[in-house]
C-alpha atoms as a PDB file:
ATOM      1  CA  MET A   1       0.000   0.376  -0.145  1.00  0.00           C
ATOM      2  CA  PRO A   2       1.374   3.294  -0.966  1.00  0.00           C
ATOM      3  CA  VAL A   3       2.480   6.160   1.795  1.00  0.00           C
ATOM      4  CA  PRO A   4       0.283   9.140   1.247  1.00  0.00           C
ATOM      5  CA  PRO A   5       2.709  12.271   0.413  1.00  0.00           C
ATOM      6  CA  TYR A   6       2.046  13.995   4.043  1.00  0.00           C
ATOM      7  CA  ARG A   7       3.169  10.743   5.469  1.00  0.00           C
ATOM      8  CA  GLN A   8       6.229  10.850   3.275  1.00  0.00           C
ATOM      9  CA  ILE A   9       7.303  14.643   4.087  1.00  0.00           C
ATOM     10  CA  ALA A  10       6.506  14.178   7.517  1.00  0.00           C
ATOM     11  CA  ASP A  11       9.010  10.913   8.084  1.00  0.00           C
ATOM     12  CA  ASN A  12      11.235  13.158   5.765  1.00  0.00           C
ATOM     13  CA  LEU A  13      11.471  16.067   8.623  1.00  0.00           C
ATOM     14  CA  ARG A  14      11.463  13.429  11.331  1.00  0.00           C
ATOM     15  CA  ALA A  15      14.499  12.149   9.898  1.00  0.00           C
ATOM     16  CA  ARG A  16      16.061  15.583   9.370  1.00  0.00           C
ATOM     17  CA  ILE A  17      15.130  16.217  13.270  1.00  0.00           C
ATOM     18  CA  ALA A  18      16.804  13.132  14.255  1.00  0.00           C
ATOM     19  CA  ASP A  19      20.313  13.169  12.239  1.00  0.00           C
ATOM     20  CA  GLY A  20      20.478  17.071  13.621  1.00  0.00           C
ATOM     21  CA  THR A  21      19.862  18.294   9.888  1.00  0.00           C
ATOM     22  CA  ILE A  22      17.298  20.513  11.673  1.00  0.00           C
ATOM     23  CA  PRO A  23      18.336  20.853  15.446  1.00  0.00           C
ATOM     24  CA  THR A  24      16.625  21.278  18.711  1.00  0.00           C
ATOM     25  CA  GLY A  25      15.521  25.159  18.651  1.00  0.00           C
ATOM     26  CA  ARG A  26      15.607  25.573  14.702  1.00  0.00           C
ATOM     27  CA  ARG A  27      13.014  26.433  13.130  1.00  0.00           C
ATOM     28  CA  ILE A  28      11.919  23.310  10.046  1.00  0.00           C
ATOM     29  CA  PRO A  29      11.443  25.159   6.406  1.00  0.00           C
ATOM     30  CA  SER A  30       8.513  26.966   6.097  1.00  0.00           C
ATOM     31  CA  LEU A  31       5.535  26.272   4.088  1.00  0.00           C
ATOM     32  CA  VAL A  32       6.829  28.430   1.012  1.00  0.00           C
ATOM     33  CA  GLU A  33       9.962  26.553   1.022  1.00  0.00           C
ATOM     34  CA  LEU A  34       8.765  23.034   1.455  1.00  0.00           C
ATOM     35  CA  GLU A  35       6.363  23.860  -1.000  1.00  0.00           C
ATOM     36  CA  ALA A  36       9.009  24.353  -3.469  1.00  0.00           C
ATOM     37  CA  GLU A  37      10.838  21.635  -2.149  1.00  0.00           C
ATOM     38  CA  PHE A  38       8.375  18.729  -2.190  1.00  0.00           C
ATOM     39  CA  GLY A  39       6.138  20.400  -4.974  1.00  0.00           C
ATOM     40  CA  VAL A  40       2.699  19.625  -3.007  1.00  0.00           C
ATOM     41  CA  ALA A  41       0.110  21.819  -2.056  1.00  0.00           C
ATOM     42  CA  ARG A  42       0.300  23.534   1.046  1.00  0.00           C
ATOM     43  CA  ASP A  43      -2.563  21.726   2.918  1.00  0.00           C
ATOM     44  CA  THR A  44      -0.672  18.564   2.089  1.00  0.00           C
ATOM     45  CA  LEU A  45       2.172  20.227   4.033  1.00  0.00           C
ATOM     46  CA  ARG A  46      -0.115  21.327   6.980  1.00  0.00           C
ATOM     47  CA  LYS A  47      -1.049  17.953   8.023  1.00  0.00           C
ATOM     48  CA  ALA A  48       2.977  16.457   7.666  1.00  0.00           C
ATOM     49  CA  VAL A  49       3.698  19.315  10.075  1.00  0.00           C
ATOM     50  CA  LYS A  50       0.477  18.166  12.305  1.00  0.00           C
ATOM     51  CA  VAL A  51       1.914  14.424  12.680  1.00  0.00           C
ATOM     52  CA  LEU A  52       5.230  16.555  13.758  1.00  0.00           C
ATOM     53  CA  LYS A  53       3.416  18.434  16.377  1.00  0.00           C
ATOM     54  CA  ASP A  54       1.340  15.833  17.526  1.00  0.00           C
ATOM     55  CA  GLU A  55       4.037  13.357  18.178  1.00  0.00           C
ATOM     56  CA  GLY A  56       5.702  16.445  20.234  1.00  0.00           C
ATOM     57  CA  LEU A  57       8.914  17.039  18.286  1.00  0.00           C
ATOM     58  CA  VAL A  58       7.581  20.461  17.078  1.00  0.00           C
ATOM     59  CA  GLU A  59       5.439  23.599  18.062  1.00  0.00           C
ATOM     60  CA  THR A  60       4.450  26.503  16.546  1.00  0.00           C
ATOM     61  CA  VAL A  61       5.651  30.071  17.879  1.00  0.00           C
ATOM     62  CA  THR A  62       3.459  32.775  16.897  1.00  0.00           C
ATOM     63  CA  GLY A  63       4.506  34.610  14.446  1.00  0.00           C
ATOM     64  CA  MET A  64       7.540  33.099  14.011  1.00  0.00           C
ATOM     65  CA  GLY A  65       7.226  29.644  12.410  1.00  0.00           C
ATOM     66  CA  VAL A  66       7.575  25.783  13.629  1.00  0.00           C
ATOM     67  CA  TYR A  67      10.370  25.136  15.891  1.00  0.00           C
ATOM     68  CA  VAL A  68      11.700  21.799  16.800  1.00  0.00           C
ATOM     69  CA  VAL A  69      11.386  21.217  20.054  1.00  0.00           C
ATOM     70  CA  ASP A  70      12.846  17.718  20.647  1.00  0.00           C
ATOM     71  CA  GLY A  71      14.926  15.417  18.486  1.00  0.00           C
ATOM     72  CA  ARG A  72      13.502  12.353  20.134  1.00  0.00           C
ATOM     73  CA  PRO A  73      10.758  11.005  19.272  1.00  0.00           C
ATOM     74  CA  GLY A  74       8.403  10.851  22.607  1.00  0.00           C
ATOM     75  CA  PRO A  75       5.623   8.768  24.019  1.00  0.00           C
ATOM     76  CA  ALA A  76       2.541   8.777  21.954  1.00  0.00           C
ATOM     77  CA  GLY A  77      -0.229  11.255  23.029  1.00  0.00           C
ATOM     78  CA  ARG A  78       2.194  13.690  24.139  1.00  0.00           C
ATOM     79  CA  ASP A  79       0.941  17.456  24.111  1.00  0.00           C
END
C-alpha cells in the first residue's frame, strides 16, 4: 500500500530532526520553502507538520514559525 505524500514528508522531516540536520530549537522550513522542495499543496504540508506536532517534535511559535522542541520521538499522545 502506498504511503500518502503527507506521511512521506513527515518521515523526511522527522529524519532530519533525528539526525540533527534540523536541531532542537531550530525552525523547520516554512510552508513556502517546503512547497518549493516537495512540489505539493500547502494542505498536504500542513498535515505533515501536524503529524510532527502530534508526536511532540515541533511546536508553533506565533509569528515566528514551527520549531523543533525535541529531537527524539516522545510517547504517543504527548502535548
